[in-house]
Every structure is written in C-alpha cells, then in structure tokens.
C-alpha cells in the first residue's frame, strides 16, 4: 500500500499531515524536512512506518531534553516519566541511549552532585539521601561510589559537623516550657525524620546538651 500526502499544514511548531487513508498525523518540522513530507509526495508503507517510528523516538528524545533543561535527572526517573507520557518501552530505550551518547544523562555524575547538595545544602541525612537516589532508579554501586567520593572530598566527619549545626538550631527553637526529656525526644525525632543515622543523632544530642546519658532516650 502506498501513502500519499494529501495536505500539510504548519500549526505552531508542528505540521498536521493529512494522508490518503484519511488520517491526520502531527509531525515535527525536523521529521517533515528530513523525509521530505510535502503535499503530493508518495511513500511506500514500510518507509512510512519507519518515518512514524523515528518521529515518535524524536518526540521522546525531545521530552528528555525538556526535562533535563529544568533540572538534572537520573536515567531511572526519566524512564518513569516517559512511561507516564505513554511512550513505548523500545522507544524509551532508544531515546535514552541517544541521550546518554550525547552526554545528557550520567547517573554517576548525577548521584555525586545529588549527594553533595543534599548533605551540604539541604542538610539531609545519608539514609534519606540514599533512599531518594534508589527511588530515582540509581544503582546501589553508583550510590555507594557517590558517598565514597563525598567523604574523600569533604572528610568522614562532614555529615556530623553539618548535623551539629542543624541540631543546635532546632534545639534552640524548642520551647523551654517542655521538660528536658521531652525536648530531647523532639530533637531526636526531628533528626531521624531528616534521615540521619541513630548514632549520629545521639552524638548531635550530646553536642547540644552536654549530656552523656542520651542513650537512655528513644526517638519516639
């Protein structure tokens, strides 16, 4: 079967292509000019299907570039968003491969920047940061490497020092009318909610109170 281009109309950034089967298809300007899709042109069915597939892959790739323009993404979270946008598995795989080849996505670099920003600026604990990376589809070995790189650059005590600043600020904000044990519980619960390990939470509590008996208090 042959496909004839009956009408081609530019609408916004895309062309509305009416074909001899009666269908109207929306194609990007890039696809139209690449394949010469103009009125009265005739394509055999196999080539036309190839054109449609390439156009779909280009749309998927364009979606990736728009997402990355807003902020960095891990490959896994891009994949999730593309599925939600109703792109097929094979189309997504090819578009992501193209993005990786063009150095638009790199999970190792993403994880390293993410860890540094969340630990230093957002003052989140390692557990919360690690969970967030897992949720974004980053592999365990990449996450481990990102934390190792962080400690190599900032030192093994960097998280604790940041936690002390956060804990001291929170401690001062707790109301004096609460009894001391209650204030300690509130501080521990707050620090735990930000993803800090129990050992570090108790060390921060000791720093704020000068109390060496903090192990007697529970988070909740």
N, C-alpha and C. Protein backbone atom coordinates (compact mmCIF):
# COMPACT_ATOMS: atom_id res chain seq x y z
N UNK A 1 0.84 -1.20 0.00
CA UNK A 1 0.00 0.00 0.00
C UNK A 1 0.87 1.25 0.00
N UNK A 2 0.47 2.24 -0.77
CA UNK A 2 1.21 3.49 -0.81
C UNK A 2 0.48 4.56 0.00
N UNK A 3 1.27 5.44 0.59
CA UNK A 3 0.72 6.53 1.39
C UNK A 3 1.00 7.85 0.67
N UNK A 4 -0.06 8.59 0.36
CA UNK A 4 0.11 9.88 -0.30
C UNK A 4 -0.18 11.01 0.70
N UNK A 5 0.64 12.05 0.63
CA UNK A 5 0.44 13.21 1.48
C UNK A 5 -0.60 14.11 0.81
N UNK A 6 -1.77 14.20 1.43
CA UNK A 6 -2.88 14.97 0.85
C UNK A 6 -2.76 16.45 1.20
N UNK A 7 -2.43 16.73 2.46
CA UNK A 7 -2.36 18.12 2.90
C UNK A 7 -1.34 18.25 4.02
N UNK A 8 -0.60 19.35 4.03
CA UNK A 8 0.40 19.61 5.07
C UNK A 8 0.20 21.03 5.58
N UNK A 9 -0.09 21.15 6.88
CA UNK A 9 -0.37 22.46 7.46
C UNK A 9 0.49 22.69 8.70
N UNK A 10 1.23 23.78 8.71
CA UNK A 10 2.05 24.12 9.88
C UNK A 10 1.16 24.74 10.95
N UNK A 11 1.17 24.13 12.13
CA UNK A 11 0.40 24.65 13.25
C UNK A 11 1.30 24.69 14.48
N UNK A 12 1.68 25.90 14.87
CA UNK A 12 2.63 26.04 15.96
C UNK A 12 4.00 25.58 15.51
N UNK A 13 4.58 24.64 16.25
CA UNK A 13 5.90 24.12 15.91
C UNK A 13 5.83 22.78 15.17
N UNK A 14 4.61 22.31 14.88
CA UNK A 14 4.46 21.01 14.22
C UNK A 14 3.58 21.12 12.98
N UNK A 15 3.71 20.11 12.13
CA UNK A 15 2.89 20.02 10.93
C UNK A 15 1.76 19.02 11.16
N UNK A 16 0.57 19.40 10.69
CA UNK A 16 -0.54 18.46 10.63
C UNK A 16 -0.55 17.86 9.23
N UNK A 17 -0.28 16.55 9.17
CA UNK A 17 -0.15 15.87 7.88
C UNK A 17 -1.37 14.99 7.65
N UNK A 18 -2.16 15.34 6.61
CA UNK A 18 -3.31 14.50 6.25
C UNK A 18 -2.88 13.56 5.14
N UNK A 19 -3.12 12.25 5.33
CA UNK A 19 -2.67 11.26 4.35
C UNK A 19 -3.86 10.61 3.66
N UNK A 20 -3.56 9.82 2.64
CA UNK A 20 -4.59 9.26 1.77
C UNK A 20 -5.52 8.28 2.47
N UNK A 21 -5.15 7.78 3.63
CA UNK A 21 -6.04 6.88 4.37
C UNK A 21 -7.11 7.64 5.14
N UNK A 22 -6.99 8.98 5.14
CA UNK A 22 -7.95 9.81 5.86
C UNK A 22 -7.45 10.26 7.22
N UNK A 23 -6.34 9.68 7.67
CA UNK A 23 -5.79 10.05 8.97
C UNK A 23 -5.06 11.39 8.89
N UNK A 24 -5.00 12.08 10.03
CA UNK A 24 -4.20 13.29 10.17
C UNK A 24 -3.19 13.05 11.28
N UNK A 25 -1.92 13.24 10.97
CA UNK A 25 -0.83 12.93 11.89
C UNK A 25 -0.03 14.19 12.18
N UNK A 26 0.37 14.36 13.43
CA UNK A 26 1.17 15.51 13.83
C UNK A 26 2.65 15.13 13.82
N UNK A 27 3.45 15.86 13.05
CA UNK A 27 4.88 15.58 12.94
C UNK A 27 5.69 16.85 13.18
N UNK A 28 6.88 16.67 13.73
CA UNK A 28 7.77 17.81 13.97
C UNK A 28 8.31 18.35 12.66
N UNK A 29 8.74 19.60 12.69
CA UNK A 29 9.34 20.20 11.49
C UNK A 29 10.60 19.43 11.08
N UNK A 30 11.35 18.97 12.07
CA UNK A 30 12.57 18.21 11.79
C UNK A 30 12.26 16.96 10.98
N UNK A 31 11.22 16.23 11.37
CA UNK A 31 10.85 15.00 10.66
C UNK A 31 10.34 15.31 9.25
N UNK A 32 9.54 16.35 9.14
CA UNK A 32 8.98 16.73 7.84
C UNK A 32 10.08 17.04 6.83
N UNK A 33 11.06 17.83 7.25
CA UNK A 33 12.12 18.22 6.31
C UNK A 33 13.14 17.10 6.09
N UNK A 34 13.33 16.26 7.10
CA UNK A 34 14.28 15.16 6.94
C UNK A 34 13.81 14.18 5.87
N UNK A 35 12.52 13.90 5.87
CA UNK A 35 11.99 12.90 4.94
C UNK A 35 11.26 13.52 3.73
N UNK A 36 11.21 14.85 3.67
CA UNK A 36 10.54 15.49 2.54
C UNK A 36 9.06 15.19 2.48
N UNK A 37 8.39 15.37 3.61
CA UNK A 37 6.96 15.03 3.70
C UNK A 37 6.14 16.25 3.28
N UNK A 38 5.94 16.38 1.99
CA UNK A 38 5.20 17.52 1.45
C UNK A 38 4.01 17.02 0.64
N UNK A 39 3.10 17.92 0.35
CA UNK A 39 1.89 17.56 -0.38
C UNK A 39 2.21 16.88 -1.71
N UNK A 40 1.46 15.84 -2.00
CA UNK A 40 1.55 15.03 -3.23
C UNK A 40 2.70 14.01 -3.21
N UNK A 41 3.54 14.05 -2.16
CA UNK A 41 4.60 13.04 -2.06
C UNK A 41 3.97 11.69 -1.73
N UNK A 42 4.57 10.62 -2.27
CA UNK A 42 4.06 9.27 -2.05
C UNK A 42 5.15 8.41 -1.39
N UNK A 43 4.76 7.66 -0.35
CA UNK A 43 5.69 6.79 0.38
C UNK A 43 5.14 5.37 0.40
N UNK A 44 6.03 4.39 0.29
CA UNK A 44 5.53 3.01 0.46
C UNK A 44 5.28 2.77 1.95
N UNK A 45 4.50 1.77 2.25
CA UNK A 45 4.03 1.56 3.62
C UNK A 45 5.17 1.32 4.60
N UNK A 46 6.18 0.54 4.22
CA UNK A 46 7.29 0.24 5.12
C UNK A 46 8.06 1.50 5.49
N UNK A 47 8.33 2.34 4.50
CA UNK A 47 9.04 3.59 4.77
C UNK A 47 8.20 4.51 5.64
N UNK A 48 6.91 4.53 5.39
CA UNK A 48 6.03 5.39 6.18
C UNK A 48 6.01 4.97 7.65
N UNK A 49 5.98 3.67 7.89
CA UNK A 49 6.01 3.17 9.27
C UNK A 49 7.33 3.51 9.94
N UNK A 50 8.41 3.43 9.17
CA UNK A 50 9.73 3.81 9.69
C UNK A 50 9.75 5.29 10.06
N UNK A 51 9.15 6.11 9.22
CA UNK A 51 9.08 7.55 9.49
C UNK A 51 8.31 7.82 10.79
N UNK A 52 7.19 7.14 10.95
CA UNK A 52 6.38 7.34 12.15
C UNK A 52 7.12 6.90 13.41
N UNK A 53 7.87 5.79 13.31
CA UNK A 53 8.63 5.31 14.46
C UNK A 53 9.74 6.30 14.81
N UNK A 54 10.46 6.78 13.79
CA UNK A 54 11.52 7.75 14.03
C UNK A 54 10.97 9.03 14.63
N UNK A 55 9.79 9.43 14.16
CA UNK A 55 9.16 10.64 14.69
C UNK A 55 8.80 10.47 16.16
N UNK A 56 8.32 9.28 16.51
CA UNK A 56 7.96 9.00 17.90
C UNK A 56 9.21 9.02 18.78
N UNK A 57 10.29 8.43 18.28
CA UNK A 57 11.54 8.43 19.03
C UNK A 57 12.07 9.85 19.21
N UNK A 58 11.93 10.68 18.18
CA UNK A 58 12.36 12.07 18.28
C UNK A 58 11.53 12.83 19.31
N UNK A 59 10.23 12.58 19.33
CA UNK A 59 9.37 13.20 20.34
C UNK A 59 9.80 12.81 21.74
N UNK A 60 10.15 11.53 21.91
CA UNK A 60 10.60 11.03 23.20
C UNK A 60 11.91 11.70 23.61
N UNK A 61 12.82 11.80 22.66
CA UNK A 61 14.11 12.45 22.93
C UNK A 61 13.91 13.92 23.28
N UNK A 62 13.01 14.59 22.57
CA UNK A 62 12.73 16.00 22.86
C UNK A 62 12.16 16.16 24.26
N UNK A 63 11.35 15.20 24.68
CA UNK A 63 10.80 15.21 26.04
C UNK A 63 11.92 15.11 27.06
N UNK A 64 12.90 14.27 26.79
CA UNK A 64 14.06 14.13 27.67
C UNK A 64 14.80 15.45 27.80
N UNK A 65 15.06 16.10 26.67
CA UNK A 65 15.82 17.36 26.71
C UNK A 65 15.06 18.44 27.47
N UNK A 66 13.73 18.45 27.36
CA UNK A 66 12.94 19.44 28.11
C UNK A 66 13.01 19.18 29.61
N UNK A 67 12.94 17.92 29.99
CA UNK A 67 13.02 17.58 31.41
C UNK A 67 14.38 17.95 31.98
N UNK A 68 15.43 17.65 31.23
CA UNK A 68 16.79 17.93 31.70
C UNK A 68 17.06 19.43 31.73
N UNK A 69 16.39 20.18 30.87
CA UNK A 69 16.57 21.63 30.86
C UNK A 69 16.09 22.25 32.17
N UNK A 70 15.11 21.61 32.81
CA UNK A 70 14.59 22.12 34.08
C UNK A 70 15.50 21.77 35.25
N UNK A 71 16.02 20.55 35.25
CA UNK A 71 16.96 20.10 36.29
C UNK A 71 17.58 18.78 35.86
N UNK A 72 18.67 18.40 36.54
CA UNK A 72 19.30 17.11 36.25
C UNK A 72 18.36 15.97 36.63
N UNK A 73 18.42 14.90 35.87
CA UNK A 73 17.62 13.71 36.15
C UNK A 73 18.51 12.46 36.08
N UNK A 74 18.16 11.48 36.90
CA UNK A 74 18.75 10.15 36.76
C UNK A 74 18.02 9.43 35.64
N UNK A 75 18.67 8.44 35.05
CA UNK A 75 18.06 7.71 33.94
C UNK A 75 16.76 7.04 34.37
N UNK A 76 16.75 6.48 35.58
CA UNK A 76 15.57 5.78 36.06
C UNK A 76 14.34 6.67 36.18
N UNK A 77 14.53 7.88 36.71
CA UNK A 77 13.37 8.75 36.85
C UNK A 77 12.91 9.30 35.50
N UNK A 78 13.85 9.47 34.57
CA UNK A 78 13.45 9.84 33.21
C UNK A 78 12.59 8.74 32.60
N UNK A 79 13.02 7.50 32.80
CA UNK A 79 12.28 6.35 32.26
C UNK A 79 10.85 6.33 32.82
N UNK A 80 10.72 6.58 34.12
CA UNK A 80 9.39 6.58 34.75
C UNK A 80 8.50 7.67 34.16
N UNK A 81 9.07 8.85 33.97
CA UNK A 81 8.28 9.97 33.43
C UNK A 81 7.88 9.72 31.98
N UNK A 82 8.76 9.08 31.23
CA UNK A 82 8.45 8.79 29.82
C UNK A 82 7.37 7.72 29.71
N UNK A 83 7.40 6.74 30.61
CA UNK A 83 6.32 5.74 30.64
C UNK A 83 4.98 6.43 30.91
N UNK A 84 4.99 7.37 31.87
CA UNK A 84 3.76 8.09 32.21
C UNK A 84 3.28 8.95 31.04
N UNK A 85 4.22 9.35 30.18
CA UNK A 85 3.86 10.14 29.00
C UNK A 85 3.43 9.24 27.84
N UNK A 86 3.31 7.92 28.13
CA UNK A 86 2.77 6.93 27.16
C UNK A 86 3.71 6.60 26.01
N UNK A 87 5.00 6.75 26.21
CA UNK A 87 5.95 6.26 25.21
C UNK A 87 6.19 4.77 25.45
N UNK A 88 6.45 4.03 24.37
CA UNK A 88 6.68 2.60 24.48
C UNK A 88 8.07 2.28 25.00
N UNK A 89 8.22 1.05 25.49
CA UNK A 89 9.47 0.61 26.10
C UNK A 89 10.65 0.72 25.15
N UNK A 90 10.49 0.25 23.93
CA UNK A 90 11.59 0.26 22.96
C UNK A 90 11.95 1.69 22.55
N UNK A 91 10.94 2.51 22.36
CA UNK A 91 11.19 3.92 22.00
C UNK A 91 11.95 4.62 23.12
N UNK A 92 11.55 4.38 24.36
CA UNK A 92 12.22 4.98 25.51
C UNK A 92 13.68 4.54 25.58
N UNK A 93 13.90 3.24 25.39
CA UNK A 93 15.27 2.71 25.46
C UNK A 93 16.17 3.37 24.43
N UNK A 94 15.68 3.52 23.21
CA UNK A 94 16.49 4.13 22.15
C UNK A 94 16.73 5.61 22.41
N UNK A 95 15.71 6.30 22.89
CA UNK A 95 15.85 7.73 23.17
C UNK A 95 16.82 7.97 24.33
N UNK A 96 16.75 7.12 25.36
CA UNK A 96 17.66 7.25 26.49
C UNK A 96 19.10 6.93 26.08
N UNK A 97 19.26 5.94 25.22
CA UNK A 97 20.60 5.60 24.73
C UNK A 97 21.19 6.78 23.96
N UNK A 98 20.38 7.40 23.15
CA UNK A 98 20.83 8.57 22.39
C UNK A 98 21.21 9.71 23.33
N UNK A 99 20.41 9.91 24.37
CA UNK A 99 20.70 10.97 25.34
C UNK A 99 22.00 10.69 26.08
N UNK A 100 22.24 9.42 26.41
CA UNK A 100 23.49 9.05 27.09
C UNK A 100 24.68 9.26 26.17
N UNK A 101 24.53 8.88 24.91
CA UNK A 101 25.62 9.06 23.94
C UNK A 101 25.95 10.54 23.75
N UNK A 102 24.94 11.39 23.90
CA UNK A 102 25.14 12.84 23.77
C UNK A 102 25.49 13.48 25.11
N UNK A 103 25.75 12.62 26.12
CA UNK A 103 26.18 13.06 27.45
C UNK A 103 25.15 13.95 28.14
N UNK A 104 23.88 13.69 27.87
CA UNK A 104 22.82 14.42 28.54
C UNK A 104 22.45 13.77 29.87
N UNK A 105 22.71 12.48 29.99
CA UNK A 105 22.44 11.78 31.25
C UNK A 105 23.66 10.96 31.65
N UNK A 106 23.94 10.99 32.94
CA UNK A 106 25.07 10.26 33.51
C UNK A 106 24.77 10.04 34.98
N UNK A 107 24.36 8.83 35.34
CA UNK A 107 23.91 8.56 36.70
C UNK A 107 25.01 8.76 37.74
N UNK A 108 26.25 8.46 37.39
CA UNK A 108 27.35 8.62 38.34
C UNK A 108 27.54 10.10 38.68
N UNK A 109 27.51 10.95 37.67
CA UNK A 109 27.65 12.39 37.89
C UNK A 109 26.43 12.93 38.64
N UNK A 110 25.24 12.47 38.23
CA UNK A 110 24.02 12.91 38.90
C UNK A 110 24.06 12.57 40.39
N UNK A 111 24.44 11.33 40.71
CA UNK A 111 24.46 10.89 42.11
C UNK A 111 25.46 11.69 42.93
N UNK A 112 26.61 11.97 42.35
CA UNK A 112 27.64 12.73 43.07
C UNK A 112 27.15 14.14 43.41
N UNK A 113 26.55 14.82 42.44
CA UNK A 113 26.02 16.16 42.67
C UNK A 113 24.86 16.13 43.65
N UNK A 114 24.00 15.12 43.52
CA UNK A 114 22.83 14.98 44.38
C UNK A 114 23.25 14.79 45.83
N UNK A 115 24.20 13.90 46.07
CA UNK A 115 24.68 13.63 47.43
C UNK A 115 25.27 14.90 48.04
N UNK A 116 26.11 15.57 47.30
CA UNK A 116 26.76 16.78 47.81
C UNK A 116 25.73 17.85 48.16
N UNK A 117 24.76 18.06 47.28
CA UNK A 117 23.76 19.11 47.51
C UNK A 117 22.87 18.78 48.70
N UNK A 118 22.43 17.53 48.80
CA UNK A 118 21.51 17.16 49.87
C UNK A 118 22.20 17.13 51.23
N UNK A 119 23.45 16.69 51.27
CA UNK A 119 24.15 16.63 52.55
C UNK A 119 24.62 18.00 53.00
N UNK A 120 25.13 18.79 52.08
CA UNK A 120 25.72 20.09 52.45
C UNK A 120 24.70 21.21 52.53
N UNK A 121 23.83 21.29 51.54
CA UNK A 121 22.91 22.42 51.46
C UNK A 121 21.56 22.13 52.11
N UNK A 122 20.97 20.99 51.76
CA UNK A 122 19.65 20.65 52.30
C UNK A 122 19.74 20.06 53.70
N UNK A 123 20.95 19.71 54.13
CA UNK A 123 21.20 19.14 55.46
C UNK A 123 20.30 17.92 55.73
N UNK A 124 20.29 17.01 54.78
CA UNK A 124 19.58 15.75 54.96
C UNK A 124 20.57 14.66 55.34
N UNK A 125 20.07 13.64 56.01
CA UNK A 125 20.92 12.54 56.43
C UNK A 125 21.19 11.56 55.30
N UNK A 126 22.20 10.72 55.51
CA UNK A 126 22.60 9.77 54.47
C UNK A 126 21.49 8.80 54.12
N UNK A 127 20.74 8.36 55.13
CA UNK A 127 19.68 7.39 54.86
C UNK A 127 18.61 7.97 53.94
N UNK A 128 18.24 9.22 54.18
CA UNK A 128 17.22 9.87 53.36
C UNK A 128 17.73 10.10 51.94
N UNK A 129 18.98 10.51 51.83
CA UNK A 129 19.58 10.77 50.52
C UNK A 129 19.70 9.48 49.73
N UNK A 130 20.15 8.43 50.41
CA UNK A 130 20.30 7.12 49.76
C UNK A 130 18.94 6.63 49.25
N UNK A 131 17.91 6.77 50.09
CA UNK A 131 16.56 6.33 49.70
C UNK A 131 16.05 7.12 48.49
N UNK A 132 16.35 8.41 48.47
CA UNK A 132 15.90 9.26 47.36
C UNK A 132 16.57 8.83 46.05
N UNK A 133 17.83 8.46 46.11
CA UNK A 133 18.53 8.00 44.91
C UNK A 133 17.99 6.66 44.43
N UNK A 134 17.72 5.75 45.37
CA UNK A 134 17.10 4.47 45.00
C UNK A 134 15.76 4.70 44.30
N UNK A 135 14.98 5.63 44.85
CA UNK A 135 13.67 5.94 44.29
C UNK A 135 13.79 6.46 42.86
N UNK A 136 14.90 7.10 42.56
CA UNK A 136 15.13 7.64 41.22
C UNK A 136 15.77 6.61 40.29
N UNK A 137 15.91 5.40 40.78
CA UNK A 137 16.40 4.32 39.93
C UNK A 137 17.90 4.22 39.81
N UNK A 138 18.64 4.89 40.69
CA UNK A 138 20.10 4.83 40.63
C UNK A 138 20.58 3.53 41.27
N UNK A 139 21.52 2.85 40.64
CA UNK A 139 22.01 1.57 41.13
C UNK A 139 22.81 1.72 42.42
N UNK A 140 22.77 0.66 43.24
CA UNK A 140 23.42 0.69 44.55
C UNK A 140 24.91 1.00 44.44
N UNK A 141 25.60 0.39 43.48
CA UNK A 141 27.04 0.61 43.38
C UNK A 141 27.37 2.05 43.01
N UNK A 142 26.50 2.68 42.25
CA UNK A 142 26.71 4.09 41.90
C UNK A 142 26.48 4.97 43.12
N UNK A 143 25.46 4.63 43.92
CA UNK A 143 25.19 5.39 45.14
C UNK A 143 26.35 5.25 46.12
N UNK A 144 26.83 4.03 46.30
CA UNK A 144 27.97 3.80 47.20
C UNK A 144 29.18 4.61 46.77
N UNK A 145 29.42 4.64 45.48
CA UNK A 145 30.56 5.39 44.95
C UNK A 145 30.39 6.89 45.20
N UNK A 146 29.16 7.38 45.07
CA UNK A 146 28.89 8.80 45.29
C UNK A 146 29.18 9.19 46.73
N UNK A 147 28.78 8.35 47.68
CA UNK A 147 29.06 8.64 49.09
C UNK A 147 30.55 8.54 49.39
N UNK A 148 31.21 7.57 48.78
CA UNK A 148 32.66 7.43 48.98
C UNK A 148 33.39 8.67 48.44
N UNK A 149 32.97 9.15 47.30
CA UNK A 149 33.57 10.36 46.73
C UNK A 149 33.32 11.57 47.62
N UNK A 150 32.13 11.62 48.22
CA UNK A 150 31.80 12.73 49.12
C UNK A 150 32.74 12.74 50.33
N UNK A 151 32.91 11.57 50.95
CA UNK A 151 33.79 11.50 52.12
C UNK A 151 35.23 11.80 51.76
N UNK A 152 35.65 11.37 50.57
CA UNK A 152 37.02 11.64 50.13
C UNK A 152 37.24 13.14 49.94
N UNK A 153 36.21 13.84 49.49
CA UNK A 153 36.35 15.27 49.22
C UNK A 153 36.13 16.13 50.46
N UNK A 154 35.15 15.78 51.28
CA UNK A 154 34.78 16.63 52.41
C UNK A 154 35.20 16.08 53.77
N UNK A 155 35.65 14.83 53.81
CA UNK A 155 36.07 14.24 55.07
C UNK A 155 34.97 13.39 55.68
N UNK A 156 35.37 12.40 56.46
CA UNK A 156 34.40 11.46 57.03
C UNK A 156 33.51 12.10 58.08
N UNK A 157 33.94 13.23 58.66
CA UNK A 157 33.15 13.89 59.71
C UNK A 157 32.27 15.01 59.18
N UNK A 158 32.23 15.19 57.87
CA UNK A 158 31.49 16.32 57.30
C UNK A 158 30.01 16.25 57.63
N UNK A 159 29.42 15.05 57.56
CA UNK A 159 28.00 14.90 57.83
C UNK A 159 27.70 15.23 59.28
N UNK A 160 28.54 14.76 60.19
CA UNK A 160 28.33 15.03 61.61
C UNK A 160 28.42 16.53 61.90
N UNK A 161 29.39 17.20 61.32
CA UNK A 161 29.54 18.64 61.56
C UNK A 161 28.33 19.41 61.05
N UNK A 162 27.82 19.02 59.89
CA UNK A 162 26.62 19.65 59.36
C UNK A 162 25.42 19.36 60.25
N UNK A 163 25.35 18.13 60.75
CA UNK A 163 24.26 17.73 61.64
C UNK A 163 24.29 18.53 62.93
N UNK A 164 25.46 18.79 63.48
CA UNK A 164 25.57 19.57 64.71
C UNK A 164 24.96 20.96 64.54
N UNK A 165 25.24 21.58 63.41
CA UNK A 165 24.68 22.91 63.14
C UNK A 165 23.16 22.85 63.08
N UNK A 166 22.65 21.85 62.37
CA UNK A 166 21.20 21.68 62.25
C UNK A 166 20.57 21.38 63.60
N UNK A 167 21.19 20.50 64.36
CA UNK A 167 20.65 20.10 65.66
C UNK A 167 20.64 21.27 66.64
N UNK A 168 21.70 22.05 66.64
CA UNK A 168 21.79 23.18 67.57
C UNK A 168 20.70 24.21 67.26
N UNK A 169 20.46 24.45 65.98
CA UNK A 169 19.41 25.40 65.58
C UNK A 169 18.04 24.90 66.03
N UNK A 170 17.78 23.61 65.84
CA UNK A 170 16.50 23.03 66.24
C UNK A 170 16.36 23.04 67.75
N UNK A 171 17.42 22.74 68.45
CA UNK A 171 17.40 22.70 69.92
C UNK A 171 17.00 24.05 70.49
N UNK A 172 17.53 25.11 69.91
CA UNK A 172 17.21 26.46 70.38
C UNK A 172 15.75 26.81 70.13
N UNK A 173 15.17 26.22 69.10
CA UNK A 173 13.78 26.55 68.74
C UNK A 173 12.76 25.81 69.60
N UNK A 174 13.19 24.77 70.29
CA UNK A 174 12.26 24.00 71.12
C UNK A 174 11.85 24.83 72.34
N UNK A 175 10.59 24.76 72.69
CA UNK A 175 10.06 25.61 73.75
C UNK A 175 10.61 25.20 75.12
N UNK A 176 11.00 26.21 75.87
CA UNK A 176 11.59 25.94 77.18
C UNK A 176 10.59 25.33 78.15
N UNK A 177 9.28 25.53 77.89
CA UNK A 177 8.30 25.02 78.84
C UNK A 177 8.22 23.49 78.82
N UNK A 178 8.71 22.87 77.75
CA UNK A 178 8.77 21.41 77.72
C UNK A 178 9.86 20.93 78.66
N UNK A 179 9.58 19.84 79.34
CA UNK A 179 10.62 19.28 80.20
C UNK A 179 11.76 18.75 79.35
N UNK A 180 12.94 18.68 79.96
CA UNK A 180 14.15 18.31 79.23
C UNK A 180 14.01 16.98 78.50
N UNK A 181 13.50 15.92 79.11
CA UNK A 181 13.37 14.65 78.38
C UNK A 181 12.49 14.79 77.12
N UNK A 182 11.43 15.61 77.23
CA UNK A 182 10.54 15.81 76.09
C UNK A 182 11.26 16.55 74.97
N UNK A 183 12.05 17.55 75.33
CA UNK A 183 12.80 18.30 74.33
C UNK A 183 13.81 17.39 73.63
N UNK A 184 14.44 16.52 74.40
CA UNK A 184 15.40 15.59 73.80
C UNK A 184 14.71 14.65 72.81
N UNK A 185 13.54 14.15 73.19
CA UNK A 185 12.80 13.26 72.30
C UNK A 185 12.43 13.98 71.00
N UNK A 186 12.01 15.23 71.13
CA UNK A 186 11.62 16.00 69.95
C UNK A 186 12.82 16.22 69.02
N UNK A 187 13.97 16.49 69.61
CA UNK A 187 15.16 16.71 68.79
C UNK A 187 15.55 15.43 68.06
N UNK A 188 15.54 14.31 68.78
CA UNK A 188 15.91 13.04 68.15
C UNK A 188 14.94 12.67 67.03
N UNK A 189 13.64 12.89 67.27
CA UNK A 189 12.64 12.58 66.25
C UNK A 189 12.83 13.45 65.01
N UNK A 190 13.15 14.71 65.24
CA UNK A 190 13.36 15.63 64.12
C UNK A 190 14.56 15.21 63.28
N UNK A 191 15.66 14.89 63.94
CA UNK A 191 16.87 14.49 63.22
C UNK A 191 16.66 13.18 62.48
N UNK A 192 15.96 12.25 63.12
CA UNK A 192 15.68 10.97 62.47
C UNK A 192 14.81 11.16 61.23
N UNK A 193 13.86 12.11 61.30
CA UNK A 193 12.97 12.36 60.17
C UNK A 193 13.72 12.91 58.96
N UNK A 194 14.88 13.48 59.20
CA UNK A 194 15.69 14.03 58.11
C UNK A 194 16.68 13.00 57.57
N UNK A 195 16.59 11.77 58.10
CA UNK A 195 17.36 10.68 57.51
C UNK A 195 18.74 10.46 58.10
N UNK A 196 18.99 10.98 59.29
CA UNK A 196 20.29 10.76 59.93
C UNK A 196 20.28 9.46 60.73
N UNK A 197 21.42 8.77 60.72
CA UNK A 197 21.53 7.52 61.44
C UNK A 197 21.42 7.76 62.95
N UNK A 198 20.91 6.74 63.66
CA UNK A 198 20.67 6.88 65.10
C UNK A 198 21.94 7.30 65.86
N UNK A 199 23.07 6.69 65.51
CA UNK A 199 24.31 7.00 66.21
C UNK A 199 24.66 8.48 66.08
N UNK A 200 24.51 9.02 64.89
CA UNK A 200 24.82 10.44 64.67
C UNK A 200 23.81 11.33 65.39
N UNK A 201 22.55 10.91 65.44
CA UNK A 201 21.53 11.69 66.14
C UNK A 201 21.87 11.83 67.62
N UNK A 202 22.30 10.74 68.23
CA UNK A 202 22.65 10.78 69.64
C UNK A 202 23.91 11.61 69.87
N UNK A 203 24.85 11.55 68.95
CA UNK A 203 26.05 12.37 69.07
C UNK A 203 25.70 13.85 68.97
N UNK A 204 24.77 14.19 68.10
CA UNK A 204 24.33 15.58 67.98
C UNK A 204 23.58 16.02 69.22
N UNK A 205 22.79 15.12 69.80
CA UNK A 205 22.08 15.43 71.03
C UNK A 205 23.07 15.71 72.15
N UNK A 206 24.09 14.89 72.27
CA UNK A 206 25.13 15.12 73.27
C UNK A 206 25.80 16.47 73.07
N UNK A 207 26.03 16.83 71.81
CA UNK A 207 26.66 18.10 71.49
C UNK A 207 25.79 19.26 71.97
N UNK A 208 24.47 19.13 71.80
CA UNK A 208 23.55 20.22 72.16
C UNK A 208 23.35 20.33 73.67
N UNK A 209 23.38 19.21 74.36
CA UNK A 209 23.02 19.20 75.78
C UNK A 209 24.21 18.99 76.71
N UNK A 210 25.30 18.46 76.16
CA UNK A 210 26.43 18.11 77.02
C UNK A 210 26.12 16.91 77.89
N UNK A 211 25.06 16.18 77.51
CA UNK A 211 24.58 15.04 78.30
C UNK A 211 25.20 13.76 77.78
N UNK A 212 25.82 13.01 78.63
CA UNK A 212 26.43 11.74 78.24
C UNK A 212 25.49 10.56 78.42
N UNK A 213 24.24 10.84 78.85
CA UNK A 213 23.28 9.75 79.08
C UNK A 213 22.18 9.73 78.02
N UNK A 214 22.48 10.26 76.85
CA UNK A 214 21.45 10.35 75.81
C UNK A 214 20.99 9.00 75.32
N UNK A 215 21.80 7.97 75.51
CA UNK A 215 21.41 6.64 75.03
C UNK A 215 20.15 6.14 75.72
N UNK A 216 19.75 6.81 76.81
CA UNK A 216 18.57 6.37 77.54
C UNK A 216 17.28 6.88 76.89
N UNK A 217 17.40 7.70 75.85
CA UNK A 217 16.22 8.28 75.23
C UNK A 217 15.93 7.61 73.90
N UNK A 218 14.65 7.47 73.63
CA UNK A 218 14.21 6.88 72.38
C UNK A 218 13.81 7.96 71.40
N UNK A 219 13.74 7.57 70.12
CA UNK A 219 13.34 8.53 69.11
C UNK A 219 11.88 8.95 69.28
N UNK A 220 11.03 8.01 69.66
CA UNK A 220 9.60 8.32 69.70
C UNK A 220 9.02 7.91 71.05
